[in-house]
PDB file of N, CA and C in Angstrom:
ATOM      1  N   UNK A   1      83.655  80.120  87.233  1.00  0.00           N
ATOM      2  CA  UNK A   1      82.556  79.980  88.145  1.00  0.00           C
ATOM      3  C   UNK A   1      81.999  81.372  88.429  1.00  0.00           C
ATOM      4  N   UNK A   2      80.793  81.615  88.060  1.00  0.00           N
ATOM      5  CA  UNK A   2      80.164  82.910  88.177  1.00  0.00           C
ATOM      6  C   UNK A   2      80.014  83.332  89.632  1.00  0.00           C
ATOM      7  N   UNK A   3      80.452  84.554  89.973  1.00  0.00           N
ATOM      8  CA  UNK A   3      80.226  85.122  91.285  1.00  0.00           C
ATOM      9  C   UNK A   3      81.299  84.888  92.324  1.00  0.00           C
ATOM     10  N   UNK A   4      82.335  84.118  92.002  1.00  0.00           N
ATOM     11  CA  UNK A   4      83.378  83.837  92.965  1.00  0.00           C
ATOM     12  C   UNK A   4      84.719  84.258  92.382  1.00  0.00           C
ATOM     13  N   UNK A   5      85.508  84.937  93.192  1.00  0.00           N
ATOM     14  CA  UNK A   5      86.815  85.397  92.723  1.00  0.00           C
ATOM     15  C   UNK A   5      87.896  84.665  93.503  1.00  0.00           C
ATOM     16  N   UNK A   6      88.905  84.208  92.834  1.00  0.00           N
ATOM     17  CA  UNK A   6      90.006  83.486  93.464  1.00  0.00           C
ATOM     18  C   UNK A   6      91.211  84.413  93.579  1.00  0.00           C
ATOM     19  N   UNK A   7      91.852  84.398  94.737  1.00  0.00           N
ATOM     20  CA  UNK A   7      93.022  85.252  94.864  1.00  0.00           C
ATOM     21  C   UNK A   7      93.615  85.231  96.253  1.00  0.00           C
ATOM     22  N   UNK A   8      94.108  86.372  96.664  1.00  0.00           N
ATOM     23  CA  UNK A   8      94.740  86.542  97.961  1.00  0.00           C
ATOM     24  C   UNK A   8      94.517  87.984  98.400  1.00  0.00           C
ATOM     25  N   UNK A   9      94.889  88.275  99.628  1.00  0.00           N
ATOM     26  CA  UNK A   9      94.729  89.632 100.151  1.00  0.00           C
ATOM     27  C   UNK A   9      96.091  90.315 100.216  1.00  0.00           C
ATOM     28  N   UNK A  10      96.088  91.608  99.967  1.00  0.00           N
ATOM     29  CA  UNK A  10      97.313  92.390 100.035  1.00  0.00           C
ATOM     30  C   UNK A  10      97.107  93.504 101.054  1.00  0.00           C
ATOM     31  N   UNK A  11      98.021  93.587 102.013  1.00  0.00           N
ATOM     32  CA  UNK A  11      97.992  94.655 103.007  1.00  0.00           C
ATOM     33  C   UNK A  11      98.995  95.702 102.556  1.00  0.00           C
ATOM     34  N   UNK A  12      98.550  96.945 102.477  1.00  0.00           N
ATOM     35  CA  UNK A  12      99.420  98.040 102.054  1.00  0.00           C
ATOM     36  C   UNK A  12      99.562  99.064 103.177  1.00  0.00           C
ATOM     37  N   UNK A  13     100.628  99.848 103.123  1.00  0.00           N
ATOM     38  CA  UNK A  13     100.813 100.913 104.107  1.00  0.00           C
ATOM     39  C   UNK A  13     100.172 102.199 103.608  1.00  0.00           C
ATOM     40  N   UNK A  14     100.387 103.296 104.321  1.00  0.00           N
ATOM     41  CA  UNK A  14      99.733 104.561 103.946  1.00  0.00           C
ATOM     42  C   UNK A  14     100.287 105.158 102.655  1.00  0.00           C
ATOM     43  N   UNK A  15     101.352 104.586 102.124  1.00  0.00           N
ATOM     44  CA  UNK A  15     101.885 104.992 100.818  1.00  0.00           C
ATOM     45  C   UNK A  15     101.516 103.987  99.733  1.00  0.00           C
ATOM     46  N   UNK A  16     100.617 103.056 100.063  1.00  0.00           N
ATOM     47  CA  UNK A  16     100.127 102.022  99.153  1.00  0.00           C
ATOM     48  C   UNK A  16     101.222 101.074  98.674  1.00  0.00           C
ATOM     49  N   UNK A  17     102.216 100.876  99.525  1.00  0.00           N
ATOM     50  CA  UNK A  17     103.253  99.891  99.231  1.00  0.00           C
ATOM     51  C   UNK A  17     102.892  98.599  99.952  1.00  0.00           C
ATOM     52  N   UNK A  18     103.084  97.481  99.273  1.00  0.00           N
ATOM     53  CA  UNK A  18     102.732  96.184  99.847  1.00  0.00           C
ATOM     54  C   UNK A  18     103.559  95.894 101.096  1.00  0.00           C
ATOM     55  N   UNK A  19     102.846  95.552 102.172  1.00  0.00           N
ATOM     56  CA  UNK A  19     103.479  95.181 103.430  1.00  0.00           C
ATOM     57  C   UNK A  19     103.460  93.661 103.595  1.00  0.00           C
ATOM     58  N   UNK A  20     102.327  93.052 103.308  1.00  0.00           N
ATOM     59  CA  UNK A  20     102.151  91.605 103.438  1.00  0.00           C
ATOM     60  C   UNK A  20     101.147  91.116 102.413  1.00  0.00           C
ATOM     61  N   UNK A  21     101.299  89.871 102.030  1.00  0.00           N
ATOM     62  CA  UNK A  21     100.314  89.188 101.211  1.00  0.00           C
ATOM     63  C   UNK A  21      99.812  87.998 102.023  1.00  0.00           C
ATOM     64  N   UNK A  22      98.496  87.858 102.114  1.00  0.00           N
ATOM     65  CA  UNK A  22      97.885  86.787 102.898  1.00  0.00           C
ATOM     66  C   UNK A  22      97.166  85.836 101.950  1.00  0.00           C
ATOM     67  N   UNK A  23      97.482  84.543 102.074  1.00  0.00           N
ATOM     68  CA  UNK A  23      96.859  83.519 101.242  1.00  0.00           C
ATOM     69  C   UNK A  23      96.170  82.479 102.111  1.00  0.00           C
ATOM     70  N   UNK A  24      95.165  81.828 101.539  1.00  0.00           N
ATOM     71  CA  UNK A  24      94.512  80.735 102.254  1.00  0.00           C
ATOM     72  C   UNK A  24      95.517  79.615 102.471  1.00  0.00           C
ATOM     73  N   UNK A  25      95.258  78.801 103.480  1.00  0.00           N
ATOM     74  CA  UNK A  25      96.186  77.731 103.860  1.00  0.00           C
ATOM     75  C   UNK A  25      95.526  76.370 103.730  1.00  0.00           C
ATOM     76  N   UNK A  26      96.343  75.340 103.611  1.00  0.00           N
ATOM     77  CA  UNK A  26      95.841  73.978 103.572  1.00  0.00           C
ATOM     78  C   UNK A  26      95.343  73.573 102.201  1.00  0.00           C
ATOM     79  N   UNK A  27      94.567  72.532 102.185  1.00  0.00           N
ATOM     80  CA  UNK A  27      94.069  71.952 100.946  1.00  0.00           C
ATOM     81  C   UNK A  27      92.718  72.569 100.563  1.00  0.00           C
ATOM     82  N   UNK A  28      92.713  73.872 100.329  1.00  0.00           N
ATOM     83  CA  UNK A  28      91.491  74.581  99.932  1.00  0.00           C
ATOM     84  C   UNK A  28      91.784  75.466  98.734  1.00  0.00           C
ATOM     85  N   UNK A  29      90.728  75.944  98.129  1.00  0.00           N
ATOM     86  CA  UNK A  29      90.863  76.868  97.001  1.00  0.00           C
ATOM     87  C   UNK A  29      91.475  78.187  97.480  1.00  0.00           C
ATOM     88  N   UNK A  30      91.901  78.996  96.545  1.00  0.00           N
ATOM     89  CA  UNK A  30      92.398  80.326  96.878  1.00  0.00           C
ATOM     90  C   UNK A  30      91.272  81.138  97.505  1.00  0.00           C
ATOM     91  N   UNK A  31      91.649  82.097  98.318  1.00  0.00           N
ATOM     92  CA  UNK A  31      90.673  82.928  99.025  1.00  0.00           C
ATOM     93  C   UNK A  31      89.768  83.678  98.053  1.00  0.00           C
ATOM     94  N   UNK A  32      88.543  83.923  98.503  1.00  0.00           N
ATOM     95  CA  UNK A  32      87.625  84.742  97.735  1.00  0.00           C
ATOM     96  C   UNK A  32      88.034  86.200  97.911  1.00  0.00           C
ATOM     97  N   UNK A  33      88.123  86.936  96.844  1.00  0.00           N
ATOM     98  CA  UNK A  33      88.600  88.315  96.899  1.00  0.00           C
ATOM     99  C   UNK A  33      87.567  89.298  97.461  1.00  0.00           C
ATOM    100  N   UNK A  34      86.360  88.835  97.734  1.00  0.00           N
ATOM    101  CA  UNK A  34      85.322  89.742  98.215  1.00  0.00           C
ATOM    102  C   UNK A  34      85.412  90.056  99.697  1.00  0.00           C
ATOM    103  N   UNK A  35      86.002  89.167 100.480  1.00  0.00           N
ATOM    104  CA  UNK A  35      86.000  89.345 101.930  1.00  0.00           C
ATOM    105  C   UNK A  35      87.402  89.216 102.507  1.00  0.00           C
ATOM    106  N   UNK A  36      87.787  90.210 103.322  1.00  0.00           N
ATOM    107  CA  UNK A  36      89.054  90.188 104.040  1.00  0.00           C
ATOM    108  C   UNK A  36      88.951  91.198 105.162  1.00  0.00           C
ATOM    109  N   UNK A  37      89.375  90.791 106.355  1.00  0.00           N
ATOM    110  CA  UNK A  37      89.281  91.689 107.504  1.00  0.00           C
ATOM    111  C   UNK A  37      90.481  91.483 108.417  1.00  0.00           C
ATOM    112  N   UNK A  38      91.147  92.573 108.790  1.00  0.00           N
ATOM    113  CA  UNK A  38      92.207  92.484 109.789  1.00  0.00           C
ATOM    114  C   UNK A  38      91.569  92.504 111.163  1.00  0.00           C
ATOM    115  N   UNK A  39      92.099  91.683 112.075  1.00  0.00           N
ATOM    116  CA  UNK A  39      91.591  91.578 113.443  1.00  0.00           C
ATOM    117  C   UNK A  39      92.739  91.794 114.427  1.00  0.00           C
ATOM    118  N   UNK A  40      92.380  91.976 115.685  1.00  0.00           N
ATOM    119  CA  UNK A  40      93.380  92.064 116.764  1.00  0.00           C
ATOM    120  C   UNK A  40      94.482  93.076 116.453  1.00  0.00           C
ATOM    121  N   UNK A  41      94.061  94.285 116.099  1.00  0.00           N
ATOM    122  CA  UNK A  41      95.003  95.364 115.757  1.00  0.00           C
ATOM    123  C   UNK A  41      95.967  94.976 114.643  1.00  0.00           C
ATOM    124  N   UNK A  42      95.462  94.210 113.687  1.00  0.00           N
ATOM    125  CA  UNK A  42      96.262  93.838 112.529  1.00  0.00           C
ATOM    126  C   UNK A  42      97.157  92.623 112.723  1.00  0.00           C
ATOM    127  N   UNK A  43      97.056  91.972 113.877  1.00  0.00           N
ATOM    128  CA  UNK A  43      97.894  90.786 114.116  1.00  0.00           C
ATOM    129  C   UNK A  43      97.392  89.555 113.372  1.00  0.00           C
ATOM    130  N   UNK A  44      96.073  89.467 113.169  1.00  0.00           N
ATOM    131  CA  UNK A  44      95.507  88.337 112.441  1.00  0.00           C
ATOM    132  C   UNK A  44      94.593  88.844 111.336  1.00  0.00           C
ATOM    133  N   UNK A  45      94.313  87.957 110.385  1.00  0.00           N
ATOM    134  CA  UNK A  45      93.455  88.308 109.258  1.00  0.00           C
ATOM    135  C   UNK A  45      92.410  87.214 109.072  1.00  0.00           C
ATOM    136  N   UNK A  46      91.214  87.634 108.724  1.00  0.00           N
ATOM    137  CA  UNK A  46      90.116  86.712 108.464  1.00  0.00           C
ATOM    138  C   UNK A  46      89.789  86.776 106.979  1.00  0.00           C
ATOM    139  N   UNK A  47      89.747  85.620 106.334  1.00  0.00           N
ATOM    140  CA  UNK A  47      89.401  85.605 104.914  1.00  0.00           C
ATOM    141  C   UNK A  47      88.420  84.487 104.631  1.00  0.00           C
ATOM    142  N   UNK A  48      87.645  84.667 103.566  1.00  0.00           N
ATOM    143  CA  UNK A  48      86.635  83.671 103.183  1.00  0.00           C
ATOM    144  C   UNK A  48      87.114  82.886 101.966  1.00  0.00           C
ATOM    145  N   UNK A  49      86.628  81.650 101.904  1.00  0.00           N
ATOM    146  CA  UNK A  49      87.022  80.737 100.833  1.00  0.00           C
ATOM    147  C   UNK A  49      85.774  79.976 100.397  1.00  0.00           C
ATOM    148  N   UNK A  50      85.599  79.812  99.112  1.00  0.00           N
ATOM    149  CA  UNK A  50      84.528  78.973  98.582  1.00  0.00           C
ATOM    150  C   UNK A  50      85.181  77.778  97.903  1.00  0.00           C
ATOM    151  N   UNK A  51      84.847  76.589  98.383  1.00  0.00           N
ATOM    152  CA  UNK A  51      85.487  75.373  97.883  1.00  0.00           C
ATOM    153  C   UNK A  51      84.439  74.428  97.300  1.00  0.00           C
ATOM    154  N   UNK A  52      84.533  74.145  95.989  1.00  0.00           N
ATOM    155  CA  UNK A  52      83.631  73.191  95.356  1.00  0.00           C
ATOM    156  C   UNK A  52      84.029  71.791  95.797  1.00  0.00           C
ATOM    157  N   UNK A  53      83.069  71.032  96.313  1.00  0.00           N
ATOM    158  CA  UNK A  53      83.387  69.699  96.815  1.00  0.00           C
ATOM    159  C   UNK A  53      82.308  68.704  96.435  1.00  0.00           C
ATOM    160  N   UNK A  54      82.709  67.457  96.091  1.00  0.00           N
ATOM    161  CA  UNK A  54      81.706  66.430  95.818  1.00  0.00           C
ATOM    162  C   UNK A  54      80.933  66.116  97.097  1.00  0.00           C
ATOM    163  N   UNK A  55      79.631  65.830  96.941  1.00  0.00           N
ATOM    164  CA  UNK A  55      78.785  65.581  98.116  1.00  0.00           C
ATOM    165  C   UNK A  55      77.581  64.759  97.682  1.00  0.00           C
ATOM    166  N   UNK A  56      77.182  63.830  98.515  1.00  0.00           N
ATOM    167  CA  UNK A  56      76.025  62.991  98.217  1.00  0.00           C
ATOM    168  C   UNK A  56      74.746  63.820  98.353  1.00  0.00           C
ATOM    169  N   UNK A  57      74.122  64.130  97.228  1.00  0.00           N
ATOM    170  CA  UNK A  57      72.892  64.927  97.215  1.00  0.00           C
ATOM    171  C   UNK A  57      71.664  64.089  96.867  1.00  0.00           C
ATOM    172  N   UNK A  58      71.770  62.774  97.025  1.00  0.00           N
ATOM    173  CA  UNK A  58      70.629  61.908  96.706  1.00  0.00           C
ATOM    174  C   UNK A  58      69.414  62.225  97.574  1.00  0.00           C
ATOM    175  N   UNK A  59      69.625  62.761  98.758  1.00  0.00           N
ATOM    176  CA  UNK A  59      68.528  63.121  99.657  1.00  0.00           C
ATOM    177  C   UNK A  59      67.600  64.179  99.041  1.00  0.00           C
ATOM    178  N   UNK A  60      68.148  64.975  98.100  1.00  0.00           N
ATOM    179  CA  UNK A  60      67.314  65.994  97.448  1.00  0.00           C
ATOM    180  C   UNK A  60      67.112  65.684  95.966  1.00  0.00           C
ATOM    181  N   UNK A  61      67.309  64.427  95.589  1.00  0.00           N
ATOM    182  CA  UNK A  61      66.964  63.997  94.240  1.00  0.00           C
ATOM    183  C   UNK A  61      68.060  64.056  93.204  1.00  0.00           C
ATOM    184  N   UNK A  62      69.283  64.376  93.590  1.00  0.00           N
ATOM    185  CA  UNK A  62      70.397  64.366  92.636  1.00  0.00           C
ATOM    186  C   UNK A  62      71.099  63.029  92.790  1.00  0.00           C
ATOM    187  N   UNK A  63      70.854  62.135  91.844  1.00  0.00           N
ATOM    188  CA  UNK A  63      71.359  60.763  91.942  1.00  0.00           C
ATOM    189  C   UNK A  63      72.768  60.605  91.380  1.00  0.00           C
ATOM    190  N   UNK A  64      73.188  61.504  90.497  1.00  0.00           N
ATOM    191  CA  UNK A  64      74.563  61.467  89.998  1.00  0.00           C
ATOM    192  C   UNK A  64      75.460  62.109  91.055  1.00  0.00           C
ATOM    193  N   UNK A  65      76.749  62.161  90.786  1.00  0.00           N
ATOM    194  CA  UNK A  65      77.670  62.799  91.732  1.00  0.00           C
ATOM    195  C   UNK A  65      77.248  64.248  91.957  1.00  0.00           C
ATOM    196  N   UNK A  66      76.903  64.586  93.178  1.00  0.00           N
ATOM    197  CA  UNK A  66      76.524  65.951  93.506  1.00  0.00           C
ATOM    198  C   UNK A  66      77.721  66.788  93.913  1.00  0.00           C
ATOM    199  N   UNK A  67      77.566  68.107  93.799  1.00  0.00           N
ATOM    200  CA  UNK A  67      78.611  69.049  94.182  1.00  0.00           C
ATOM    201  C   UNK A  67      77.999  70.174  94.993  1.00  0.00           C
ATOM    202  N   UNK A  68      78.684  70.562  96.074  1.00  0.00           N
ATOM    203  CA  UNK A  68      78.254  71.702  96.884  1.00  0.00           C
ATOM    204  C   UNK A  68      79.408  72.685  97.017  1.00  0.00           C
ATOM    205  N   UNK A  69      79.033  73.905  97.371  1.00  0.00           N
ATOM    206  CA  UNK A  69      80.010  74.931  97.676  1.00  0.00           C
ATOM    207  C   UNK A  69      80.174  74.951  99.190  1.00  0.00           C
ATOM    208  N   UNK A  70      81.336  74.535  99.663  1.00  0.00           N
ATOM    209  CA  UNK A  70      81.633  74.554 101.090  1.00  0.00           C
ATOM    210  C   UNK A  70      82.150  75.948 101.425  1.00  0.00           C
ATOM    211  N   UNK A  71      81.434  76.659 102.267  1.00  0.00           N
ATOM    212  CA  UNK A  71      81.857  77.997 102.686  1.00  0.00           C
ATOM    213  C   UNK A  71      82.823  77.847 103.862  1.00  0.00           C
ATOM    214  N   UNK A  72      83.978  78.456 103.722  1.00  0.00           N
ATOM    215  CA  UNK A  72      85.051  78.307 104.703  1.00  0.00           C
ATOM    216  C   UNK A  72      85.544  79.692 105.096  1.00  0.00           C
ATOM    217  N   UNK A  73      85.925  79.848 106.360  1.00  0.00           N
ATOM    218  CA  UNK A  73      86.723  81.018 106.691  1.00  0.00           C
ATOM    219  C   UNK A  73      87.929  80.586 107.503  1.00  0.00           C
ATOM    220  N   UNK A  74      89.013  81.328 107.323  1.00  0.00           N
ATOM    221  CA  UNK A  74      90.254  81.047 108.021  1.00  0.00           C
ATOM    222  C   UNK A  74      90.758  82.307 108.698  1.00  0.00           C
ATOM    223  N   UNK A  75      91.343  82.110 109.880  1.00  0.00           N
ATOM    224  CA  UNK A  75      92.059  83.191 110.552  1.00  0.00           C
ATOM    225  C   UNK A  75      93.544  82.878 110.426  1.00  0.00           C
ATOM    226  N   UNK A  76      94.289  83.842 109.894  1.00  0.00           N
ATOM    227  CA  UNK A  76      95.704  83.674 109.596  1.00  0.00           C
ATOM    228  C   UNK A  76      96.518  84.658 110.434  1.00  0.00           C
ATOM    229  N   UNK A  77      97.628  84.199 110.986  1.00  0.00           N
ATOM    230  CA  UNK A  77      98.565  85.084 111.686  1.00  0.00           C
ATOM    231  C   UNK A  77      99.298  85.902 110.627  1.00  0.00           C
ATOM    232  N   UNK A  78      99.180  87.222 110.692  1.00  0.00           N
ATOM    233  CA  UNK A  78      99.747  88.083 109.652  1.00  0.00           C
ATOM    234  C   UNK A  78     101.272  88.005 109.621  1.00  0.00           C
ATOM    235  N   UNK A  79     101.925  87.977 110.756  1.00  0.00           N
ATOM    236  CA  UNK A  79     103.396  87.999 110.756  1.00  0.00           C
ATOM    237  C   UNK A  79     104.006  86.679 110.300  1.00  0.00           C
ATOM    238  N   UNK A  80     103.398  85.547 110.654  1.00  0.00           N
ATOM    239  CA  UNK A  80     103.977  84.247 110.292  1.00  0.00           C
ATOM    240  C   UNK A  80     103.308  83.575 109.101  1.00  0.00           C
ATOM    241  N   UNK A  81     102.064  83.957 108.822  1.00  0.00           N
ATOM    242  CA  UNK A  81     101.298  83.301 107.762  1.00  0.00           C
ATOM    243  C   UNK A  81     100.686  81.982 108.199  1.00  0.00           C
ATOM    244  N   UNK A  82     100.795  81.646 109.474  1.00  0.00           N
ATOM    245  CA  UNK A  82     100.259  80.376 109.977  1.00  0.00           C
ATOM    246  C   UNK A  82      98.745  80.414 110.113  1.00  0.00           C
ATOM    247  N   UNK A  83      98.134  79.288 109.861  1.00  0.00           N
ATOM    248  CA  UNK A  83      96.695  79.123 110.045  1.00  0.00           C
ATOM    249  C   UNK A  83      96.412  78.988 111.537  1.00  0.00           C
ATOM    250  N   UNK A  84      95.529  79.857 112.061  1.00  0.00           N
ATOM    251  CA  UNK A  84      95.180  79.817 113.475  1.00  0.00           C
ATOM    252  C   UNK A  84      93.851  79.116 113.719  1.00  0.00           C
ATOM    253  N   UNK A  85      92.917  79.285 112.778  1.00  0.00           N
ATOM    254  CA  UNK A  85      91.578  78.723 112.952  1.00  0.00           C
ATOM    255  C   UNK A  85      90.932  78.557 111.586  1.00  0.00           C
ATOM    256  N   UNK A  86      90.123  77.507 111.453  1.00  0.00           N
ATOM    257  CA  UNK A  86      89.377  77.285 110.217  1.00  0.00           C
ATOM    258  C   UNK A  86      87.985  76.787 110.562  1.00  0.00           C
ATOM    259  N   UNK A  87      86.978  77.304 109.877  1.00  0.00           N
ATOM    260  CA  UNK A  87      85.585  76.881 110.031  1.00  0.00           C
ATOM    261  C   UNK A  87      85.066  76.498 108.662  1.00  0.00           C
ATOM    262  N   UNK A  88      84.422  75.311 108.568  1.00  0.00           N
ATOM    263  CA  UNK A  88      83.864  74.805 107.310  1.00  0.00           C
ATOM    264  C   UNK A  88      82.370  74.588 107.493  1.00  0.00           C
ATOM    265  N   UNK A  89      81.586  75.135 106.600  1.00  0.00           N
ATOM    266  CA  UNK A  89      80.132  75.050 106.740  1.00  0.00           C
ATOM    267  C   UNK A  89      79.624  73.616 106.764  1.00  0.00           C
ATOM    268  N   UNK A  90      80.206  72.738 105.946  1.00  0.00           N
ATOM    269  CA  UNK A  90      79.721  71.357 105.891  1.00  0.00           C
ATOM    270  C   UNK A  90      79.919  70.603 107.212  1.00  0.00           C
ATOM    271  N   UNK A  91      80.802  71.087 108.067  1.00  0.00           N
ATOM    272  CA  UNK A  91      81.006  70.469 109.376  1.00  0.00           C
ATOM    273  C   UNK A  91      79.930  70.886 110.380  1.00  0.00           C
ATOM    274  N   UNK A  92      79.150  71.922 110.045  1.00  0.00           N
ATOM    275  CA  UNK A  92      78.205  72.498 111.009  1.00  0.00           C
ATOM    276  C   UNK A  92      76.780  72.663 110.497  1.00  0.00           C
ATOM    277  N   UNK A  93      76.617  72.779 109.187  1.00  0.00           N
ATOM    278  CA  UNK A  93      75.304  73.065 108.607  1.00  0.00           C
ATOM    279  C   UNK A  93      75.012  72.045 107.506  1.00  0.00           C
ATOM    280  N   UNK A  94      73.984  71.242 107.698  1.00  0.00           N
ATOM    281  CA  UNK A  94      73.598  70.275 106.672  1.00  0.00           C
ATOM    282  C   UNK A  94      73.000  71.001 105.475  1.00  0.00           C
ATOM    283  N   UNK A  95      73.378  70.625 104.267  1.00  0.00           N
ATOM    284  CA  UNK A  95      72.890  71.331 103.083  1.00  0.00           C
ATOM    285  C   UNK A  95      71.366  71.406 102.988  1.00  0.00           C
ATOM    286  N   UNK A  96      70.641  70.373 103.374  1.00  0.00           N
ATOM    287  CA  UNK A  96      69.180  70.370 103.181  1.00  0.00           C
ATOM    288  C   UNK A  96      68.442  71.178 104.244  1.00  0.00           C
ATOM    289  N   UNK A  97      69.166  71.879 105.130  1.00  0.00           N
ATOM    290  CA  UNK A  97      68.502  72.779 106.079  1.00  0.00           C
ATOM    291  C   UNK A  97      68.419  74.198 105.527  1.00  0.00           C
ATOM    292  N   UNK A  98      68.700  74.346 104.255  1.00  0.00           N
ATOM    293  CA  UNK A  98      68.736  75.647 103.603  1.00  0.00           C
ATOM    294  C   UNK A  98      67.353  76.093 103.123  1.00  0.00           C
ATOM    295  N   UNK A  99      67.268  77.334 102.727  1.00  0.00           N
ATOM    296  CA  UNK A  99      66.064  77.868 102.083  1.00  0.00           C
ATOM    297  C   UNK A  99      66.264  77.996 100.575  1.00  0.00           C
ATOM    298  N   UNK A 100      67.495  77.771 100.117  1.00  0.00           N
ATOM    299  CA  UNK A 100      67.823  77.944  98.703  1.00  0.00           C
ATOM    300  C   UNK A 100      68.282  76.602  98.137  1.00  0.00           C
ATOM    301  N   UNK A 101      67.411  75.960  97.385  1.00  0.00           N
ATOM    302  CA  UNK A 101      67.743  74.673  96.793  1.00  0.00           C
ATOM    303  C   UNK A 101      68.358  74.851  95.407  1.00  0.00           C
ATOM    304  N   UNK A 102      68.998  73.801  94.877  1.00  0.00           N
ATOM    305  CA  UNK A 102      69.629  73.912  93.556  1.00  0.00           C
ATOM    306  C   UNK A 102      68.660  74.448  92.498  1.00  0.00           C
ATOM    307  N   UNK A 103      69.204  75.298  91.643  1.00  0.00           N
ATOM    308  CA  UNK A 103      68.483  75.882  90.500  1.00  0.00           C
ATOM    309  C   UNK A 103      67.321  76.789  90.908  1.00  0.00           C
ATOM    310  N   UNK A 104      67.287  77.292  92.154  1.00  0.00           N
ATOM    311  CA  UNK A 104      66.181  78.159  92.578  1.00  0.00           C
ATOM    312  C   UNK A 104      66.543  79.633  92.572  1.00  0.00           C
ATOM    313  N   UNK A 105      67.794  79.956  92.266  1.00  0.00           N
ATOM    314  CA  UNK A 105      68.201  81.361  92.149  1.00  0.00           C
ATOM    315  C   UNK A 105      69.330  81.460  91.134  1.00  0.00           C
ATOM    316  N   UNK A 106      69.691  82.682  90.798  1.00  0.00           N
ATOM    317  CA  UNK A 106      70.755  82.901  89.813  1.00  0.00           C
ATOM    318  C   UNK A 106      72.123  82.435  90.306  1.00  0.00           C
ATOM    319  N   UNK A 107      72.319  82.362  91.612  1.00  0.00           N
ATOM    320  CA  UNK A 107      73.627  82.023  92.150  1.00  0.00           C
ATOM    321  C   UNK A 107      73.650  80.702  92.921  1.00  0.00           C
ATOM    322  N   UNK A 108      72.533  80.003  93.032  1.00  0.00           N
ATOM    323  CA  UNK A 108      72.484  78.774  93.823  1.00  0.00           C
ATOM    324  C   UNK A 108      73.243  77.618  93.184  1.00  0.00           C
ATOM    325  N   UNK A 109      73.411  77.617  91.873  1.00  0.00           N
ATOM    326  CA  UNK A 109      74.034  76.496  91.182  1.00  0.00           C
ATOM    327  C   UNK A 109      73.074  75.324  91.080  1.00  0.00           C
ATOM    328  N   UNK A 110      73.422  74.344  90.248  1.00  0.00           N
ATOM    329  CA  UNK A 110      72.531  73.194  90.098  1.00  0.00           C
ATOM    330  C   UNK A 110      73.024  71.956  90.836  1.00  0.00           C
ATOM    331  N   UNK A 111      74.255  71.988  91.380  1.00  0.00           N
ATOM    332  CA  UNK A 111      74.792  70.867  92.138  1.00  0.00           C
ATOM    333  C   UNK A 111      75.232  69.690  91.298  1.00  0.00           C
ATOM    334  N   UNK A 112      75.289  69.870  89.977  1.00  0.00           N
ATOM    335  CA  UNK A 112      75.600  68.749  89.085  1.00  0.00           C
ATOM    336  C   UNK A 112      77.063  68.663  88.684  1.00  0.00           C
ATOM    337  N   UNK A 113      77.859  69.668  89.012  1.00  0.00           N
ATOM    338  CA  UNK A 113      79.258  69.639  88.630  1.00  0.00           C
ATOM    339  C   UNK A 113      80.077  70.663  89.385  1.00  0.00           C
ATOM    340  N   UNK A 114      81.395  70.544  89.280  1.00  0.00           N
ATOM    341  CA  UNK A 114      82.303  71.464  89.966  1.00  0.00           C
ATOM    342  C   UNK A 114      82.165  72.895  89.456  1.00  0.00           C
ATOM    343  N   UNK A 115      81.693  73.062  88.215  1.00  0.00           N
ATOM    344  CA  UNK A 115      81.520  74.406  87.665  1.00  0.00           C
ATOM    345  C   UNK A 115      80.191  75.052  88.065  1.00  0.00           C
ATOM    346  N   UNK A 116      79.283  74.258  88.637  1.00  0.00           N
ATOM    347  CA  UNK A 116      77.993  74.811  89.080  1.00  0.00           C
ATOM    348  C   UNK A 116      77.560  74.150  90.403  1.00  0.00           C
ATOM    349  N   UNK A 117      78.449  74.187  91.418  1.00  0.00           N
ATOM    350  CA  UNK A 117      78.105  73.553  92.693  1.00  0.00           C
ATOM    351  C   UNK A 117      76.934  74.269  93.355  1.00  0.00           C
ATOM    352  N   UNK A 118      76.207  73.555  94.167  1.00  0.00           N
ATOM    353  CA  UNK A 118      75.075  74.129  94.892  1.00  0.00           C
ATOM    354  C   UNK A 118      75.625  74.943  96.057  1.00  0.00           C
ATOM    355  N   UNK A 119      75.374  76.231  96.044  1.00  0.00           N
ATOM    356  CA  UNK A 119      75.793  77.126  97.126  1.00  0.00           C
ATOM    357  C   UNK A 119      74.633  77.197  98.123  1.00  0.00           C
ATOM    358  N   UNK A 120      74.591  76.250  99.021  1.00  0.00           N
ATOM    359  CA  UNK A 120      73.467  76.103  99.949  1.00  0.00           C
ATOM    360  C   UNK A 120      73.503  77.101 101.093  1.00  0.00           C
ATOM    361  N   UNK A 121      74.662  77.672 101.359  1.00  0.00           N
ATOM    362  CA  UNK A 121      74.784  78.558 102.511  1.00  0.00           C
ATOM    363  C   UNK A 121      74.630  80.006 102.114  1.00  0.00           C
TER     364      UNK A 121
END
């Protein structure tokens, strides 16, 4: 999938030795390697996840099984690895309220399959 990296975050000390590895939690794809931020003096970590998901896109003319990219972020407790909070774009932002429709940019996707989901957000 062009433009998205799957992986995890690695926290290192001042000698570049691994201290912790942070992974996404639950039934989602691996974290996107582009975004990671320590919060609360390093007690929690915020990471982004892009999850390809089937979605009814008939409202915008895709009559076959549609696919969207659900943008997710999670806050993880660094010491325990527990999920503290999760936000999913599809729970808050309807896809057709976007300015970028399928096939209108190099990264929007066409929404026709899991390999080219519509990245509406």
